[in-house]
C-alpha atoms as a PDB file:
ATOM      1  CA  MET A   1     101.348 105.965 152.998  1.00  0.00           C
ATOM      2  CA  LEU A   2      98.040 104.729 154.482  1.00  0.00           C
ATOM      3  CA  THR A   3      96.712 103.979 151.015  1.00  0.00           C
ATOM      4  CA  MET A   4      99.807 101.939 150.222  1.00  0.00           C
ATOM      5  CA  ILE A   5      99.445  99.955 153.491  1.00  0.00           C
ATOM      6  CA  GLY A   6      95.786  99.337 152.736  1.00  0.00           C
ATOM      7  CA  LYS A   7      96.574  97.990 149.288  1.00  0.00           C
ATOM      8  CA  ARG A   8      99.364  95.680 150.720  1.00  0.00           C
ATOM      9  CA  LEU A   9      96.894  94.284 153.346  1.00  0.00           C
ATOM     10  CA  MET A  10      94.297  93.664 150.637  1.00  0.00           C
ATOM     11  CA  PHE A  11      96.765  91.717 148.561  1.00  0.00           C
ATOM     12  CA  ALA A  12      97.783  89.689 151.676  1.00  0.00           C
ATOM     13  CA  ILE A  13      94.312  88.343 152.283  1.00  0.00           C
ATOM     14  CA  PRO A  14      94.263  85.953 149.222  1.00  0.00           C
ATOM     15  CA  SER A  15      97.757  84.755 150.211  1.00  0.00           C
ATOM     16  CA  LEU A  16      96.624  83.855 153.701  1.00  0.00           C
ATOM     17  CA  ILE A  17      93.539  82.071 152.363  1.00  0.00           C
ATOM     18  CA  GLY A  18      95.797  80.072 150.025  1.00  0.00           C
ATOM     19  CA  VAL A  19      98.086  79.178 152.942  1.00  0.00           C
ATOM     20  CA  VAL A  20      95.130  77.866 154.983  1.00  0.00           C
ATOM     21  CA  ILE A  21      93.910  75.671 152.103  1.00  0.00           C
ATOM     22  CA  VAL A  22      97.335  74.280 151.103  1.00  0.00           C
ATOM     23  CA  THR A  23      98.311  73.657 154.767  1.00  0.00           C
ATOM     24  CA  PHE A  24      95.080  71.825 155.459  1.00  0.00           C
ATOM     25  CA  LEU A  25      95.427  69.617 152.363  1.00  0.00           C
ATOM     26  CA  LEU A  26      99.127  68.847 152.948  1.00  0.00           C
ATOM     27  CA  THR A  27      98.597  67.798 156.587  1.00  0.00           C
ATOM     28  CA  ARG A  28      95.828  65.455 155.513  1.00  0.00           C
ATOM     29  CA  ALA A  29      98.111  64.012 152.776  1.00  0.00           C
ATOM     30  CA  LEU A  30     100.984  63.250 155.227  1.00  0.00           C
ATOM     31  CA  PRO A  31     101.679  59.555 155.855  1.00  0.00           C
ATOM     32  CA  GLY A  32     100.481  58.142 159.135  1.00  0.00           C
ATOM     33  CA  ASP A  33      97.206  57.973 160.929  1.00  0.00           C
ATOM     34  CA  PRO A  34      96.824  60.130 164.028  1.00  0.00           C
ATOM     35  CA  ALA A  35      94.109  57.852 165.351  1.00  0.00           C
ATOM     36  CA  ALA A  36      96.295  54.788 165.072  1.00  0.00           C
ATOM     37  CA  TYR A  37      99.276  56.691 166.591  1.00  0.00           C
ATOM     38  CA  PHE A  38      97.398  57.750 169.683  1.00  0.00           C
ATOM     39  CA  ALA A  39      95.547  54.498 170.075  1.00  0.00           C
ATOM     40  CA  GLY A  40      98.844  52.670 170.376  1.00  0.00           C
ATOM     41  CA  PRO A  41     100.259  49.574 168.683  1.00  0.00           C
ATOM     42  CA  ALA A  42      98.164  47.197 170.787  1.00  0.00           C
ATOM     43  CA  ALA A  43      94.805  48.894 170.031  1.00  0.00           C
ATOM     44  CA  THR A  44      92.052  47.076 168.252  1.00  0.00           C
ATOM     45  CA  LYS A  45      90.560  48.255 165.014  1.00  0.00           C
ATOM     46  CA  GLU A  46      87.359  49.258 166.842  1.00  0.00           C
ATOM     47  CA  ALA A  47      89.409  51.400 169.299  1.00  0.00           C
ATOM     48  CA  VAL A  48      91.152  53.124 166.382  1.00  0.00           C
ATOM     49  CA  GLU A  49      87.815  53.851 164.755  1.00  0.00           C
ATOM     50  CA  GLN A  50      86.441  55.318 167.964  1.00  0.00           C
ATOM     51  CA  ILE A  51      89.409  57.709 168.289  1.00  0.00           C
ATOM     52  CA  ARG A  52      89.095  58.635 164.637  1.00  0.00           C
ATOM     53  CA  LYS A  53      85.455  59.445 165.163  1.00  0.00           C
ATOM     54  CA  LYS A  54      86.204  61.453 168.254  1.00  0.00           C
ATOM     55  CA  LEU A  55      88.822  63.525 166.332  1.00  0.00           C
ATOM     56  CA  GLY A  56      86.399  64.107 163.445  1.00  0.00           C
ATOM     57  CA  LEU A  57      88.658  62.308 160.983  1.00  0.00           C
ATOM     58  CA  ASP A  58      85.774  60.087 159.820  1.00  0.00           C
ATOM     59  CA  LYS A  59      84.037  63.060 158.243  1.00  0.00           C
ATOM     60  CA  PRO A  60      84.387  63.993 154.526  1.00  0.00           C
ATOM     61  CA  LEU A  61      87.407  66.150 153.794  1.00  0.00           C
ATOM     62  CA  ILE A  62      85.285  69.159 152.778  1.00  0.00           C
ATOM     63  CA  GLU A  63      83.394  68.955 156.079  1.00  0.00           C
ATOM     64  CA  GLN A  64      86.676  68.792 158.026  1.00  0.00           C
ATOM     65  CA  PHE A  65      87.872  71.875 156.177  1.00  0.00           C
ATOM     66  CA  PHE A  66      84.820  74.008 156.847  1.00  0.00           C
ATOM     67  CA  ARG A  67      84.920  73.011 160.483  1.00  0.00           C
ATOM     68  CA  TYR A  68      88.581  74.041 160.586  1.00  0.00           C
ATOM     69  CA  THR A  69      87.970  77.397 158.911  1.00  0.00           C
ATOM     70  CA  ASN A  70      85.002  78.051 161.232  1.00  0.00           C
ATOM     71  CA  ASP A  71      87.273  77.459 164.245  1.00  0.00           C
ATOM     72  CA  LEU A  72      89.911  79.764 162.721  1.00  0.00           C
ATOM     73  CA  ALA A  73      87.356  82.505 162.358  1.00  0.00           C
ATOM     74  CA  HIS A  74      86.731  82.304 166.110  1.00  0.00           C
ATOM     75  CA  GLY A  75      90.441  82.354 166.910  1.00  0.00           C
ATOM     76  CA  ASP A  76      90.562  78.600 167.727  1.00  0.00           C
ATOM     77  CA  PHE A  77      93.513  76.700 166.272  1.00  0.00           C
ATOM     78  CA  GLY A  78      92.363  73.503 167.862  1.00  0.00           C
ATOM     79  CA  ASN A  79      93.949  71.398 170.558  1.00  0.00           C
ATOM     80  CA  SER A  80      97.265  69.512 170.343  1.00  0.00           C
ATOM     81  CA  LEU A  81      96.694  65.789 170.615  1.00  0.00           C
ATOM     82  CA  THR A  82     100.211  65.325 172.088  1.00  0.00           C
ATOM     83  CA  THR A  83      99.980  67.840 174.933  1.00  0.00           C
ATOM     84  CA  GLY A  84      96.227  68.288 175.248  1.00  0.00           C
ATOM     85  CA  GLN A  85      96.668  72.089 175.315  1.00  0.00           C
ATOM     86  CA  PRO A  86      95.149  74.661 172.942  1.00  0.00           C
ATOM     87  CA  VAL A  87      97.449  75.268 170.025  1.00  0.00           C
ATOM     88  CA  ALA A  88      96.973  79.096 170.202  1.00  0.00           C
ATOM     89  CA  ALA A  89      98.162  79.120 173.828  1.00  0.00           C
ATOM     90  CA  GLU A  90     101.164  76.919 173.022  1.00  0.00           C
ATOM     91  CA  ILE A  91     102.202  79.097 170.085  1.00  0.00           C
ATOM     92  CA  ARG A  92     101.694  82.291 172.257  1.00  0.00           C
ATOM     93  CA  ASN A  93     103.970  80.841 174.961  1.00  0.00           C
ATOM     94  CA  ARG A  94     106.643  79.599 172.587  1.00  0.00           C
ATOM     95  CA  LEU A  95     106.727  82.359 170.009  1.00  0.00           C
ATOM     96  CA  PRO A  96     108.784  84.796 172.151  1.00  0.00           C
ATOM     97  CA  ALA A  97     111.583  82.192 172.440  1.00  0.00           C
ATOM     98  CA  SER A  98     111.781  81.858 168.655  1.00  0.00           C
ATOM     99  CA  ALA A  99     111.470  85.609 168.104  1.00  0.00           C
ATOM    100  CA  GLU A 100     114.218  86.395 170.601  1.00  0.00           C
ATOM    101  CA  LEU A 101     116.628  83.948 168.999  1.00  0.00           C
ATOM    102  CA  THR A 102     115.823  85.062 165.465  1.00  0.00           C
ATOM    103  CA  LEU A 103     115.986  88.803 166.143  1.00  0.00           C
ATOM    104  CA  LEU A 104     119.242  88.515 168.085  1.00  0.00           C
ATOM    105  CA  GLY A 105     120.867  86.453 165.319  1.00  0.00           C
ATOM    106  CA  LEU A 106     119.683  88.982 162.722  1.00  0.00           C
ATOM    107  CA  ILE A 107     120.869  91.980 164.727  1.00  0.00           C
ATOM    108  CA  VAL A 108     124.333  90.436 165.156  1.00  0.00           C
ATOM    109  CA  SER A 109     124.623  89.680 161.432  1.00  0.00           C
ATOM    110  CA  ILE A 110     123.460  93.225 160.502  1.00  0.00           C
ATOM    111  CA  VAL A 111     126.000  94.811 162.858  1.00  0.00           C
ATOM    112  CA  ILE A 112     128.788  92.828 161.180  1.00  0.00           C
ATOM    113  CA  ALA A 113     127.625  92.391 157.592  1.00  0.00           C
ATOM    114  CA  ILE A 114     126.640  96.012 156.608  1.00  0.00           C
ATOM    115  CA  PRO A 115     129.893  97.675 157.762  1.00  0.00           C
ATOM    116  CA  LEU A 116     131.829  94.758 156.221  1.00  0.00           C
ATOM    117  CA  GLY A 117     130.031  95.214 152.915  1.00  0.00           C
ATOM    118  CA  VAL A 118     130.534  99.017 152.895  1.00  0.00           C
ATOM    119  CA  LEU A 119     134.220  98.682 153.661  1.00  0.00           C
ATOM    120  CA  ALA A 120     134.655  95.951 151.061  1.00  0.00           C
ATOM    121  CA  ALA A 121     132.935  98.238 148.465  1.00  0.00           C
ATOM    122  CA  THR A 122     135.008 101.292 149.313  1.00  0.00           C
ATOM    123  CA  ARG A 123     138.263  99.307 149.311  1.00  0.00           C
ATOM    124  CA  PRO A 124     137.992  96.916 146.355  1.00  0.00           C
ATOM    125  CA  GLY A 125     140.847  94.382 146.144  1.00  0.00           C
ATOM    126  CA  SER A 126     141.974  95.012 149.717  1.00  0.00           C
ATOM    127  CA  TRP A 127     142.305  92.435 152.427  1.00  0.00           C
ATOM    128  CA  ILE A 128     138.910  93.382 153.916  1.00  0.00           C
ATOM    129  CA  ASP A 129     137.346  92.864 150.405  1.00  0.00           C
ATOM    130  CA  HIS A 130     138.847  89.357 150.264  1.00  0.00           C
ATOM    131  CA  LEU A 131     137.632  88.757 153.850  1.00  0.00           C
ATOM    132  CA  CYS A 132     134.135  89.746 152.819  1.00  0.00           C
ATOM    133  CA  ARG A 133     134.182  87.358 149.844  1.00  0.00           C
ATOM    134  CA  ILE A 134     135.543  84.431 151.996  1.00  0.00           C
ATOM    135  CA  THR A 135     132.914  85.087 154.691  1.00  0.00           C
ATOM    136  CA  THR A 136     130.023  85.235 152.331  1.00  0.00           C
ATOM    137  CA  THR A 137     131.158  82.038 150.546  1.00  0.00           C
ATOM    138  CA  ALA A 138     131.555  80.135 153.785  1.00  0.00           C
ATOM    139  CA  GLY A 139     128.223  81.449 155.160  1.00  0.00           C
ATOM    140  CA  VAL A 140     126.188  80.187 152.188  1.00  0.00           C
ATOM    141  CA  SER A 141     128.089  76.939 151.935  1.00  0.00           C
ATOM    142  CA  LEU A 142     127.616  75.597 155.441  1.00  0.00           C
ATOM    143  CA  PRO A 143     124.202  74.215 156.463  1.00  0.00           C
ATOM    144  CA  VAL A 144     122.908  75.950 159.540  1.00  0.00           C
ATOM    145  CA  PHE A 145     122.474  72.778 161.623  1.00  0.00           C
ATOM    146  CA  PHE A 146     126.053  71.732 160.798  1.00  0.00           C
ATOM    147  CA  THR A 147     127.430  75.087 161.888  1.00  0.00           C
ATOM    148  CA  GLY A 148     125.400  74.784 165.166  1.00  0.00           C
ATOM    149  CA  LEU A 149     126.744  71.272 165.829  1.00  0.00           C
ATOM    150  CA  VAL A 150     130.328  72.362 165.158  1.00  0.00           C
ATOM    151  CA  LEU A 151     130.038  75.335 167.527  1.00  0.00           C
ATOM    152  CA  VAL A 152     128.544  73.068 170.227  1.00  0.00           C
ATOM    153  CA  TYR A 153     131.295  70.514 169.778  1.00  0.00           C
ATOM    154  CA  PHE A 154     134.129  73.018 170.101  1.00  0.00           C
ATOM    155  CA  PHE A 155     132.779  75.658 172.592  1.00  0.00           C
ATOM    156  CA  TYR A 156     130.852  73.275 174.867  1.00  0.00           C
ATOM    157  CA  PHE A 157     132.260  69.780 174.520  1.00  0.00           C
ATOM    158  CA  ARG A 158     135.941  70.517 173.815  1.00  0.00           C
ATOM    159  CA  LEU A 159     136.637  73.911 175.431  1.00  0.00           C
ATOM    160  CA  GLY A 160     133.850  74.120 178.055  1.00  0.00           C
ATOM    161  CA  TRP A 161     133.344  77.858 177.421  1.00  0.00           C
ATOM    162  CA  SER A 162     129.638  77.592 176.621  1.00  0.00           C
ATOM    163  CA  PRO A 163     126.791  76.190 178.804  1.00  0.00           C
ATOM    164  CA  ALA A 164     124.980  73.048 177.898  1.00  0.00           C
ATOM    165  CA  PRO A 165     122.685  73.607 174.889  1.00  0.00           C
ATOM    166  CA  LEU A 166     119.559  72.744 176.851  1.00  0.00           C
ATOM    167  CA  GLY A 167     117.087  75.604 176.529  1.00  0.00           C
ATOM    168  CA  ARG A 168     116.858  79.274 177.409  1.00  0.00           C
ATOM    169  CA  LEU A 169     118.139  79.236 181.005  1.00  0.00           C
ATOM    170  CA  ASP A 170     120.549  77.201 183.082  1.00  0.00           C
ATOM    171  CA  VAL A 171     118.804  74.630 185.254  1.00  0.00           C
ATOM    172  CA  PHE A 172     119.811  76.475 188.417  1.00  0.00           C
ATOM    173  CA  TYR A 173     117.770  79.592 187.446  1.00  0.00           C
ATOM    174  CA  SER A 174     114.058  80.053 187.268  1.00  0.00           C
ATOM    175  CA  ALA A 175     112.289  81.862 184.445  1.00  0.00           C
ATOM    176  CA  PRO A 176     111.535  85.570 185.129  1.00  0.00           C
ATOM    177  CA  GLN A 177     108.002  86.866 185.357  1.00  0.00           C
ATOM    178  CA  THR A 178     106.654  87.184 181.829  1.00  0.00           C
ATOM    179  CA  VAL A 179     106.366  90.748 180.566  1.00  0.00           C
ATOM    180  CA  THR A 180     107.555  90.599 176.999  1.00  0.00           C
ATOM    181  CA  GLY A 181     108.429  86.882 176.788  1.00  0.00           C
ATOM    182  CA  PHE A 182     111.990  87.856 175.922  1.00  0.00           C
ATOM    183  CA  TYR A 183     114.235  86.548 178.734  1.00  0.00           C
ATOM    184  CA  LEU A 184     116.928  89.232 178.172  1.00  0.00           C
ATOM    185  CA  ILE A 185     114.392  91.987 178.668  1.00  0.00           C
ATOM    186  CA  ASP A 186     112.320  90.289 181.387  1.00  0.00           C
ATOM    187  CA  THR A 187     115.363  89.540 183.535  1.00  0.00           C
ATOM    188  CA  LEU A 188     116.493  93.140 183.321  1.00  0.00           C
ATOM    189  CA  ILE A 189     113.035  94.336 184.255  1.00  0.00           C
ATOM    190  CA  ALA A 190     113.071  91.954 187.280  1.00  0.00           C
ATOM    191  CA  ARG A 191     116.686  93.234 188.059  1.00  0.00           C
ATOM    192  CA  ASP A 192     117.849  89.554 188.096  1.00  0.00           C
ATOM    193  CA  PHE A 193     121.263  90.096 186.575  1.00  0.00           C
ATOM    194  CA  GLU A 194     122.457  86.528 187.223  1.00  0.00           C
ATOM    195  CA  ALA A 195     119.488  85.177 185.257  1.00  0.00           C
ATOM    196  CA  PHE A 196     120.237  87.777 182.552  1.00  0.00           C
ATOM    197  CA  ARG A 197     123.798  86.481 182.314  1.00  0.00           C
ATOM    198  CA  SER A 198     122.532  82.916 182.076  1.00  0.00           C
ATOM    199  CA  ALA A 199     119.969  83.778 179.397  1.00  0.00           C
ATOM    200  CA  LEU A 200     122.552  85.646 177.393  1.00  0.00           C
ATOM    201  CA  SER A 201     125.068  82.811 177.663  1.00  0.00           C
ATOM    202  CA  GLN A 202     122.453  80.336 176.444  1.00  0.00           C
ATOM    203  CA  LEU A 203     121.710  82.634 173.466  1.00  0.00           C
ATOM    204  CA  ILE A 204     125.294  83.167 172.299  1.00  0.00           C
ATOM    205  CA  LEU A 205     125.876  79.933 170.391  1.00  0.00           C
ATOM    206  CA  PRO A 206     122.445  79.645 168.663  1.00  0.00           C
ATOM    207  CA  ALA A 207     122.399  83.367 167.799  1.00  0.00           C
ATOM    208  CA  THR A 208     126.020  83.152 166.454  1.00  0.00           C
ATOM    209  CA  THR A 209     124.965  80.218 164.285  1.00  0.00           C
ATOM    210  CA  LEU A 210     122.020  82.110 162.826  1.00  0.00           C
ATOM    211  CA  ALA A 211     124.254  85.211 162.377  1.00  0.00           C
ATOM    212  CA  ILE A 212     126.781  83.205 160.373  1.00  0.00           C
ATOM    213  CA  PHE A 213     123.989  81.794 158.219  1.00  0.00           C
ATOM    214  CA  SER A 214     122.433  85.224 157.555  1.00  0.00           C
ATOM    215  CA  LEU A 215     125.613  87.312 157.371  1.00  0.00           C
ATOM    216  CA  ALA A 216     126.570  86.084 153.855  1.00  0.00           C
ATOM    217  CA  PRO A 217     123.623  87.453 151.780  1.00  0.00           C
ATOM    218  CA  ILE A 218     123.485  90.721 153.685  1.00  0.00           C
ATOM    219  CA  ALA A 219     127.207  91.433 153.286  1.00  0.00           C
ATOM    220  CA  ARG A 220     127.186  90.368 149.614  1.00  0.00           C
ATOM    221  CA  MET A 221     124.177  92.532 148.756  1.00  0.00           C
ATOM    222  CA  THR A 222     125.622  95.504 150.680  1.00  0.00           C
ATOM    223  CA  ARG A 223     128.880  95.250 148.807  1.00  0.00           C
ATOM    224  CA  ALA A 224     127.263  94.883 145.365  1.00  0.00           C
ATOM    225  CA  SER A 225     124.781  97.720 145.985  1.00  0.00           C
ATOM    226  CA  MET A 226     127.459 100.117 147.276  1.00  0.00           C
ATOM    227  CA  LEU A 227     129.733  99.336 144.299  1.00  0.00           C
ATOM    228  CA  ALA A 228     126.863 100.174 141.942  1.00  0.00           C
ATOM    229  CA  VAL A 229     126.003 103.476 143.737  1.00  0.00           C
ATOM    230  CA  LEU A 230     129.589 104.528 144.097  1.00  0.00           C
ATOM    231  CA  SER A 231     130.048 104.338 140.316  1.00  0.00           C
ATOM    232  CA  SER A 232     126.974 106.467 139.572  1.00  0.00           C
ATOM    233  CA  GLU A 233     127.003 109.970 138.184  1.00  0.00           C
ATOM    234  CA  PHE A 234     125.620 111.759 141.315  1.00  0.00           C
ATOM    235  CA  VAL A 235     128.369 110.290 143.497  1.00  0.00           C
ATOM    236  CA  ARG A 236     131.057 111.399 141.083  1.00  0.00           C
ATOM    237  CA  THR A 237     129.428 114.843 141.074  1.00  0.00           C
ATOM    238  CA  ALA A 238     129.448 114.940 144.859  1.00  0.00           C
ATOM    239  CA  ARG A 239     133.136 114.040 144.933  1.00  0.00           C
ATOM    240  CA  ALA A 240     133.925 116.646 142.296  1.00  0.00           C
ATOM    241  CA  SER A 241     132.124 119.285 144.455  1.00  0.00           C
ATOM    242  CA  GLY A 242     134.837 118.777 147.142  1.00  0.00           C
ATOM    243  CA  LEU A 243     132.753 116.884 149.717  1.00  0.00           C
ATOM    244  CA  SER A 244     134.647 114.732 152.099  1.00  0.00           C
ATOM    245  CA  PRO A 245     134.768 110.937 151.376  1.00  0.00           C
ATOM    246  CA  ALA A 246     132.897 110.227 154.595  1.00  0.00           C
ATOM    247  CA  THR A 247     130.075 112.620 153.540  1.00  0.00           C
ATOM    248  CA  VAL A 248     129.843 111.128 150.075  1.00  0.00           C
ATOM    249  CA  ILE A 249     129.696 107.528 151.419  1.00  0.00           C
ATOM    250  CA  VAL A 250     127.261 108.102 154.303  1.00  0.00           C
ATOM    251  CA  THR A 251     125.005 110.798 153.008  1.00  0.00           C
ATOM    252  CA  TYR A 252     124.837 109.995 149.326  1.00  0.00           C
ATOM    253  CA  ALA A 253     125.971 106.468 148.608  1.00  0.00           C
ATOM    254  CA  PHE A 254     124.837 104.487 151.684  1.00  0.00           C
ATOM    255  CA  ARG A 255     121.227 105.759 151.734  1.00  0.00           C
ATOM    256  CA  ASN A 256     120.701 105.033 148.038  1.00  0.00           C
ATOM    257  CA  ALA A 257     122.270 101.613 148.442  1.00  0.00           C
ATOM    258  CA  MET A 258     119.880 100.623 151.259  1.00  0.00           C
ATOM    259  CA  LEU A 259     116.784  99.657 149.263  1.00  0.00           C
ATOM    260  CA  PRO A 260     118.134  96.318 147.919  1.00  0.00           C
ATOM    261  CA  VAL A 261     119.766  95.666 151.282  1.00  0.00           C
ATOM    262  CA  ILE A 262     116.377  96.027 152.997  1.00  0.00           C
ATOM    263  CA  THR A 263     114.853  93.683 150.490  1.00  0.00           C
ATOM    264  CA  THR A 264     117.573  91.170 151.331  1.00  0.00           C
ATOM    265  CA  LEU A 265     116.915  91.665 155.046  1.00  0.00           C
ATOM    266  CA  SER A 266     113.281  90.662 154.637  1.00  0.00           C
ATOM    267  CA  MET A 267     114.245  87.533 152.748  1.00  0.00           C
ATOM    268  CA  VAL A 268     116.943  86.682 155.274  1.00  0.00           C
ATOM    269  CA  PHE A 269     114.497  87.060 158.121  1.00  0.00           C
ATOM    270  CA  SER A 270     112.081  84.676 156.451  1.00  0.00           C
ATOM    271  CA  PHE A 271     114.997  82.208 155.919  1.00  0.00           C
ATOM    272  CA  LEU A 272     115.844  82.464 159.654  1.00  0.00           C
ATOM    273  CA  LEU A 273     112.325  81.638 160.624  1.00  0.00           C
ATOM    274  CA  GLY A 274     112.687  78.419 158.642  1.00  0.00           C
ATOM    275  CA  ALA A 275     116.228  77.785 159.909  1.00  0.00           C
ATOM    276  CA  ASN A 276     114.883  78.099 163.486  1.00  0.00           C
ATOM    277  CA  VAL A 277     113.110  74.772 163.037  1.00  0.00           C
ATOM    278  CA  LEU A 278     116.519  73.039 162.790  1.00  0.00           C
ATOM    279  CA  MET A 279     118.285  75.268 165.306  1.00  0.00           C
ATOM    280  CA  GLU A 280     115.737  74.725 168.035  1.00  0.00           C
ATOM    281  CA  LYS A 281     116.247  70.970 167.800  1.00  0.00           C
ATOM    282  CA  VAL A 282     120.033  71.317 167.882  1.00  0.00           C
ATOM    283  CA  PHE A 283     119.984  73.529 170.982  1.00  0.00           C
ATOM    284  CA  ALA A 284     116.799  72.128 172.638  1.00  0.00           C
ATOM    285  CA  TRP A 285     115.261  75.566 172.302  1.00  0.00           C
ATOM    286  CA  PRO A 286     111.581  75.637 173.426  1.00  0.00           C
ATOM    287  CA  GLY A 287     110.251  77.606 170.395  1.00  0.00           C
ATOM    288  CA  ILE A 288     107.516  77.060 167.898  1.00  0.00           C
ATOM    289  CA  GLY A 289     109.899  75.306 165.447  1.00  0.00           C
ATOM    290  CA  SER A 290     110.653  72.420 167.796  1.00  0.00           C
ATOM    291  CA  TYR A 291     106.960  72.345 168.708  1.00  0.00           C
ATOM    292  CA  ALA A 292     105.972  71.917 165.048  1.00  0.00           C
ATOM    293  CA  VAL A 293     108.653  69.205 164.435  1.00  0.00           C
ATOM    294  CA  GLU A 294     107.401  67.223 167.431  1.00  0.00           C
ATOM    295  CA  ALA A 295     103.771  67.548 166.247  1.00  0.00           C
ATOM    296  CA  LEU A 296     104.784  66.531 162.706  1.00  0.00           C
ATOM    297  CA  ILE A 297     106.474  63.372 163.928  1.00  0.00           C
ATOM    298  CA  SER A 298     103.356  62.379 165.864  1.00  0.00           C
ATOM    299  CA  SER A 299     100.958  63.258 162.988  1.00  0.00           C
ATOM    300  CA  ASP A 300      99.382  65.963 165.141  1.00  0.00           C
ATOM    301  CA  PHE A 301      97.716  68.147 162.546  1.00  0.00           C
ATOM    302  CA  ALA A 302      96.554  71.153 164.630  1.00  0.00           C
ATOM    303  CA  PRO A 303     100.021  72.401 165.815  1.00  0.00           C
ATOM    304  CA  VAL A 304     101.485  71.981 162.337  1.00  0.00           C
ATOM    305  CA  GLN A 305      98.670  74.062 160.811  1.00  0.00           C
ATOM    306  CA  GLY A 306      98.948  76.649 163.522  1.00  0.00           C
ATOM    307  CA  PHE A 307     102.684  76.879 163.037  1.00  0.00           C
ATOM    308  CA  VAL A 308     102.416  77.362 159.249  1.00  0.00           C
ATOM    309  CA  LEU A 309      99.646  79.912 159.602  1.00  0.00           C
ATOM    310  CA  THR A 310     101.616  81.878 162.202  1.00  0.00           C
ATOM    311  CA  MET A 311     104.708  81.879 159.960  1.00  0.00           C
ATOM    312  CA  ALA A 312     102.533  83.122 157.089  1.00  0.00           C
ATOM    313  CA  VAL A 313     101.066  86.037 159.140  1.00  0.00           C
ATOM    314  CA  MET A 314     104.553  87.001 160.337  1.00  0.00           C
ATOM    315  CA  TYR A 315     105.803  86.953 156.749  1.00  0.00           C
ATOM    316  CA  VAL A 316     102.981  89.225 155.629  1.00  0.00           C
ATOM    317  CA  LEU A 317     103.575  91.666 158.515  1.00  0.00           C
ATOM    318  CA  LEU A 318     107.317  91.600 157.735  1.00  0.00           C
ATOM    319  CA  ASN A 319     106.668  92.560 154.098  1.00  0.00           C
ATOM    320  CA  LEU A 320     104.339  95.381 155.268  1.00  0.00           C
ATOM    321  CA  VAL A 321     107.147  96.711 157.501  1.00  0.00           C
ATOM    322  CA  ILE A 322     109.548  96.529 154.531  1.00  0.00           C
ATOM    323  CA  ASP A 323     107.127  98.428 152.388  1.00  0.00           C
ATOM    324  CA  ILE A 324     106.828 101.152 155.107  1.00  0.00           C
ATOM    325  CA  LEU A 325     110.681 101.371 155.281  1.00  0.00           C
ATOM    326  CA  TYR A 326     110.788 101.694 151.517  1.00  0.00           C
ATOM    327  CA  GLY A 327     108.512 104.718 151.752  1.00  0.00           C
ATOM    328  CA  VAL A 328     110.663 106.284 154.501  1.00  0.00           C
ATOM    329  CA  ILE A 329     113.914 105.861 152.589  1.00  0.00           C
ATOM    330  CA  ASP A 330     112.580 106.604 149.129  1.00  0.00           C
ATOM    331  CA  PRO A 331     109.520 108.941 148.951  1.00  0.00           C
ATOM    332  CA  ARG A 332     108.943 107.871 145.322  1.00  0.00           C
ATOM    333  CA  VAL A 333     107.651 104.547 146.606  1.00  0.00           C
ATOM    334  CA  ARG A 334     104.898 106.300 148.528  1.00  0.00           C
ATOM    335  CA  LEU A 335     103.779 108.166 145.396  1.00  0.00           C
ATOM    336  CA  GLU A 336     103.768 104.958 143.339  1.00  0.00           C
ATOM    337  CA  GLY A 337     101.810 103.122 146.024  1.00  0.00           C
END
């Protein structure tokens, strides 16, 4: 297992180097001049040039790149021109908000999608099978931001059941002392149950939106994988041996059907990280997605580069976790690794 993890990490290093190079080049190719943006519309040409020199944008591109990589090697992502704060600190403060929303949405979708897919596979042609098909079709057809806006319109604007989509807590509550950065956990640690209720109520709509978006591929893959396993020889042998249907499904079929489902979970999680960029703008969520969008609008390179690099590292770590789960579920993967 350790050998397999080491190999995966070695393969990840070239990917991260490629991400750094591509991100740097793309941010420099974006339209707009950061120096002109921050100098203001009334600034003279000399003032713009002074700001450009101060930011190091007057240097050759290769020199800018080596300076950037040298800063990265020392853990310095640079400073945001918009806020004036170090990008690493901003990402560190905002990442728990994005992670809490993404993980809760994924957990909700897993709790619903996997049982739905299993039931649809064991009862083909039934009403629950048709429900699974309708749900998966609707989930992949609706854009995530559209679903979020519809939920806000009905549950906040029309019905008044949901709080205003304005961040992680109601304005009448103060943020708990940071322990994990996850408000649901930190409020429980602080025994502030009113703040916990407020944080949970703020999470319901955005997490439900992400769950609807991610439910479709998980349920579809679970159903297809279970149908394939249930028609295999060893399952028919288990049934012929007189084992109960529950034992056949849970012990034999479900575990063997999990590998493609886990692969789908890794892809869905990466999709959710991208969808968070839109979701955080719809719900005014103070995560790294909205931070990157605001920086992109203002041609602020450092936060955009820090955001993309953070996403790349998270994706590499996610794939490593998936490889480890593969080895736990199927020992043959450890032998091949």
